[in-house]
Amino acid sequence: MKITALILLIVGLGIGGFGAYGYFLSGDYDQCRRADAAAEEKLNAARAAHGTSDEAALIKEARMEADSQEFWCRNAKRTEQWTALTGLGGVVAIVIAGGVLGFARKPGN
C-alpha cells in the first residue's frame, strides 16, 4: 500500500508541475496582448482615415485584427482553464496519496 501511495504521490507531483508550467509559463497571454495592441492600432488608423479612400481597406484590416485578437484571447482563457484543472488534478492526487500513506502507516495495516 505504501508503494501505491508513493507512485500516486509522484504522479500527482508530475501532473501538478505540468499544470503549473502551463499556467504560469504559457505564451498565450503575451500573444493575446500583442494581438490586442495590433487590433487597437488598426482601429485607430481606420478612425483616422475616416472619409478618405483608404477607409474601407483599413476597416477591413481592423476587423481581421479584431478577429485575430478574439481568437488569441479565447485561446489564452482556454489554456488558463485547462492548466488550472490539470494542476488541481495533481493536487487531488497528492492529497489522496497522503491519505493512503497515512492509512498505510496506522498500526495493523
C-alpha atoms as a PDB file:
ATOM      1  CA  MET A   1       0.000   0.000   0.000  1.00  0.00           C
ATOM      2  CA  LYS A   2       2.924   2.339   0.687  1.00  0.00           C
ATOM      3  CA  ILE A   3       4.293   1.735  -2.815  1.00  0.00           C
ATOM      4  CA  THR A   4       0.910   2.670  -4.309  1.00  0.00           C
ATOM      5  CA  ALA A   5       0.856   5.872  -2.261  1.00  0.00           C
ATOM      6  CA  LEU A   6       4.384   6.724  -3.348  1.00  0.00           C
ATOM      7  CA  ILE A   7       3.564   6.136  -7.022  1.00  0.00           C
ATOM      8  CA  LEU A   8       0.406   8.228  -6.689  1.00  0.00           C
ATOM      9  CA  LEU A   9       2.417  10.985  -4.995  1.00  0.00           C
ATOM     10  CA  ILE A  10       4.977  11.031  -7.806  1.00  0.00           C
ATOM     11  CA  VAL A  11       2.243  11.057 -10.448  1.00  0.00           C
ATOM     12  CA  GLY A  12       0.448  13.862  -8.586  1.00  0.00           C
ATOM     13  CA  LEU A  13       3.627  15.918  -8.401  1.00  0.00           C
ATOM     14  CA  GLY A  14       4.235  15.388 -12.124  1.00  0.00           C
ATOM     15  CA  ILE A  15       0.685  16.355 -13.098  1.00  0.00           C
ATOM     16  CA  GLY A  16       0.704  19.341 -10.744  1.00  0.00           C
ATOM     17  CA  GLY A  17       4.058  20.505 -12.104  1.00  0.00           C
ATOM     18  CA  PHE A  18       2.825  20.163 -15.660  1.00  0.00           C
ATOM     19  CA  GLY A  19      -0.283  22.200 -14.817  1.00  0.00           C
ATOM     20  CA  ALA A  20       1.755  24.889 -13.061  1.00  0.00           C
ATOM     21  CA  TYR A  21       4.159  25.079 -16.011  1.00  0.00           C
ATOM     22  CA  GLY A  22       1.299  25.567 -18.457  1.00  0.00           C
ATOM     23  CA  TYR A  23      -0.477  28.072 -16.232  1.00  0.00           C
ATOM     24  CA  PHE A  24       2.454  30.321 -15.390  1.00  0.00           C
ATOM     25  CA  LEU A  25       4.682  29.979 -18.457  1.00  0.00           C
ATOM     26  CA  SER A  26       2.156  29.901 -21.281  1.00  0.00           C
ATOM     27  CA  GLY A  27       2.862  32.354 -24.078  1.00  0.00           C
ATOM     28  CA  ASP A  28      -0.811  32.703 -24.916  1.00  0.00           C
ATOM     29  CA  TYR A  29      -1.283  35.784 -22.736  1.00  0.00           C
ATOM     30  CA  ASP A  30       1.597  37.569 -24.448  1.00  0.00           C
ATOM     31  CA  GLN A  31       0.136  36.711 -27.841  1.00  0.00           C
ATOM     32  CA  CYS A  32      -3.256  37.996 -26.679  1.00  0.00           C
ATOM     33  CA  ARG A  33      -1.723  41.297 -25.566  1.00  0.00           C
ATOM     34  CA  ARG A  34       0.169  41.658 -28.861  1.00  0.00           C
ATOM     35  CA  ALA A  35      -2.966  40.925 -30.875  1.00  0.00           C
ATOM     36  CA  ASP A  36      -4.932  43.378 -28.733  1.00  0.00           C
ATOM     37  CA  ALA A  37      -2.362  46.121 -29.363  1.00  0.00           C
ATOM     38  CA  ALA A  38      -2.338  45.394 -33.108  1.00  0.00           C
ATOM     39  CA  ALA A  39      -6.147  45.488 -33.259  1.00  0.00           C
ATOM     40  CA  GLU A  40      -6.199  48.792 -31.375  1.00  0.00           C
ATOM     41  CA  GLU A  41      -3.588  50.230 -33.739  1.00  0.00           C
ATOM     42  CA  LYS A  42      -5.555  49.192 -36.840  1.00  0.00           C
ATOM     43  CA  LEU A  43      -8.774  50.572 -35.360  1.00  0.00           C
ATOM     44  CA  ASN A  44      -7.126  53.918 -34.648  1.00  0.00           C
ATOM     45  CA  ALA A  45      -5.744  54.016 -38.195  1.00  0.00           C
ATOM     46  CA  ALA A  46      -9.221  53.298 -39.576  1.00  0.00           C
ATOM     47  CA  ARG A  47     -10.710  56.084 -37.437  1.00  0.00           C
ATOM     48  CA  ALA A  48      -8.014  58.496 -38.601  1.00  0.00           C
ATOM     49  CA  ALA A  49      -8.765  57.641 -42.237  1.00  0.00           C
ATOM     50  CA  HIS A  50     -12.469  58.443 -41.890  1.00  0.00           C
ATOM     51  CA  GLY A  51     -13.711  59.980 -45.122  1.00  0.00           C
ATOM     52  CA  THR A  52     -10.672  59.025 -47.215  1.00  0.00           C
ATOM     53  CA  SER A  53     -10.302  56.440 -49.940  1.00  0.00           C
ATOM     54  CA  ASP A  54      -8.283  54.170 -47.614  1.00  0.00           C
ATOM     55  CA  GLU A  55     -11.067  53.949 -45.049  1.00  0.00           C
ATOM     56  CA  ALA A  56     -12.695  50.760 -46.389  1.00  0.00           C
ATOM     57  CA  ALA A  57      -9.416  48.859 -46.595  1.00  0.00           C
ATOM     58  CA  LEU A  58      -8.380  49.964 -43.115  1.00  0.00           C
ATOM     59  CA  ILE A  59     -11.748  48.972 -41.643  1.00  0.00           C
ATOM     60  CA  LYS A  60     -11.370  45.538 -43.230  1.00  0.00           C
ATOM     61  CA  GLU A  61      -7.867  45.185 -41.745  1.00  0.00           C
ATOM     62  CA  ALA A  62      -9.149  46.331 -38.352  1.00  0.00           C
ATOM     63  CA  ARG A  63     -11.885  43.678 -38.423  1.00  0.00           C
ATOM     64  CA  MET A  64      -9.337  40.989 -39.320  1.00  0.00           C
ATOM     65  CA  GLU A  65      -7.096  42.082 -36.433  1.00  0.00           C
ATOM     66  CA  ALA A  66     -10.086  42.105 -34.066  1.00  0.00           C
ATOM     67  CA  ASP A  67     -10.929  38.541 -35.103  1.00  0.00           C
ATOM     68  CA  SER A  68      -7.311  37.518 -34.530  1.00  0.00           C
ATOM     69  CA  GLN A  69      -7.314  39.200 -31.128  1.00  0.00           C
ATOM     70  CA  GLU A  70     -10.536  37.424 -30.183  1.00  0.00           C
ATOM     71  CA  PHE A  71      -9.039  34.060 -31.186  1.00  0.00           C
ATOM     72  CA  TRP A  72      -5.811  34.539 -29.202  1.00  0.00           C
ATOM     73  CA  CYS A  73      -7.554  35.821 -26.087  1.00  0.00           C
ATOM     74  CA  ARG A  74     -10.093  32.991 -26.186  1.00  0.00           C
ATOM     75  CA  ASN A  75      -7.209  30.551 -26.566  1.00  0.00           C
ATOM     76  CA  ALA A  76      -5.430  32.139 -23.580  1.00  0.00           C
ATOM     77  CA  LYS A  77      -8.549  31.766 -21.431  1.00  0.00           C
ATOM     78  CA  ARG A  78      -8.960  28.136 -22.500  1.00  0.00           C
ATOM     79  CA  THR A  79      -5.300  27.434 -21.709  1.00  0.00           C
ATOM     80  CA  GLU A  80      -5.757  29.007 -18.281  1.00  0.00           C
ATOM     81  CA  GLN A  81      -8.783  26.810 -17.559  1.00  0.00           C
ATOM     82  CA  TRP A  82      -7.226  23.562 -18.738  1.00  0.00           C
ATOM     83  CA  THR A  83      -3.941  24.058 -16.944  1.00  0.00           C
ATOM     84  CA  ALA A  84      -5.736  25.068 -13.744  1.00  0.00           C
ATOM     85  CA  LEU A  85      -7.771  21.866 -13.937  1.00  0.00           C
ATOM     86  CA  THR A  86      -4.630  19.850 -14.602  1.00  0.00           C
ATOM     87  CA  GLY A  87      -2.921  21.408 -11.588  1.00  0.00           C
ATOM     88  CA  LEU A  88      -5.995  20.743  -9.471  1.00  0.00           C
ATOM     89  CA  GLY A  89      -5.905  17.094 -10.566  1.00  0.00           C
ATOM     90  CA  GLY A  90      -2.299  16.931  -9.400  1.00  0.00           C
ATOM     91  CA  VAL A  91      -3.245  18.408  -6.030  1.00  0.00           C
ATOM     92  CA  VAL A  92      -6.070  15.894  -5.648  1.00  0.00           C
ATOM     93  CA  ALA A  93      -3.685  13.029  -6.444  1.00  0.00           C
ATOM     94  CA  ILE A  94      -1.212  14.328  -3.845  1.00  0.00           C
ATOM     95  CA  VAL A  95      -3.947  14.608  -1.189  1.00  0.00           C
ATOM     96  CA  ILE A  96      -5.175  11.083  -1.940  1.00  0.00           C
ATOM     97  CA  ALA A  97      -1.604   9.797  -1.793  1.00  0.00           C
ATOM     98  CA  GLY A  98      -1.187  11.452   1.612  1.00  0.00           C
ATOM     99  CA  GLY A  99      -4.405   9.851   2.825  1.00  0.00           C
ATOM    100  CA  VAL A 100      -3.390   6.423   1.566  1.00  0.00           C
ATOM    101  CA  LEU A 101       0.054   6.804   3.113  1.00  0.00           C
ATOM    102  CA  GLY A 102      -1.479   7.899   6.419  1.00  0.00           C
ATOM    103  CA  PHE A 103      -3.830   4.929   6.340  1.00  0.00           C
ATOM    104  CA  ALA A 104      -0.984   2.557   5.496  1.00  0.00           C
ATOM    105  CA  ARG A 105       1.087   3.791   8.452  1.00  0.00           C
ATOM    106  CA  LYS A 106      -1.605   3.002  11.038  1.00  0.00           C
ATOM    107  CA  PRO A 107      -0.783   0.010  13.213  1.00  0.00           C
ATOM    108  CA  GLY A 108      -2.375  -3.172  11.996  1.00  0.00           C
ATOM    109  CA  ASN A 109      -2.294  -2.315   8.280  1.00  0.00           C
END
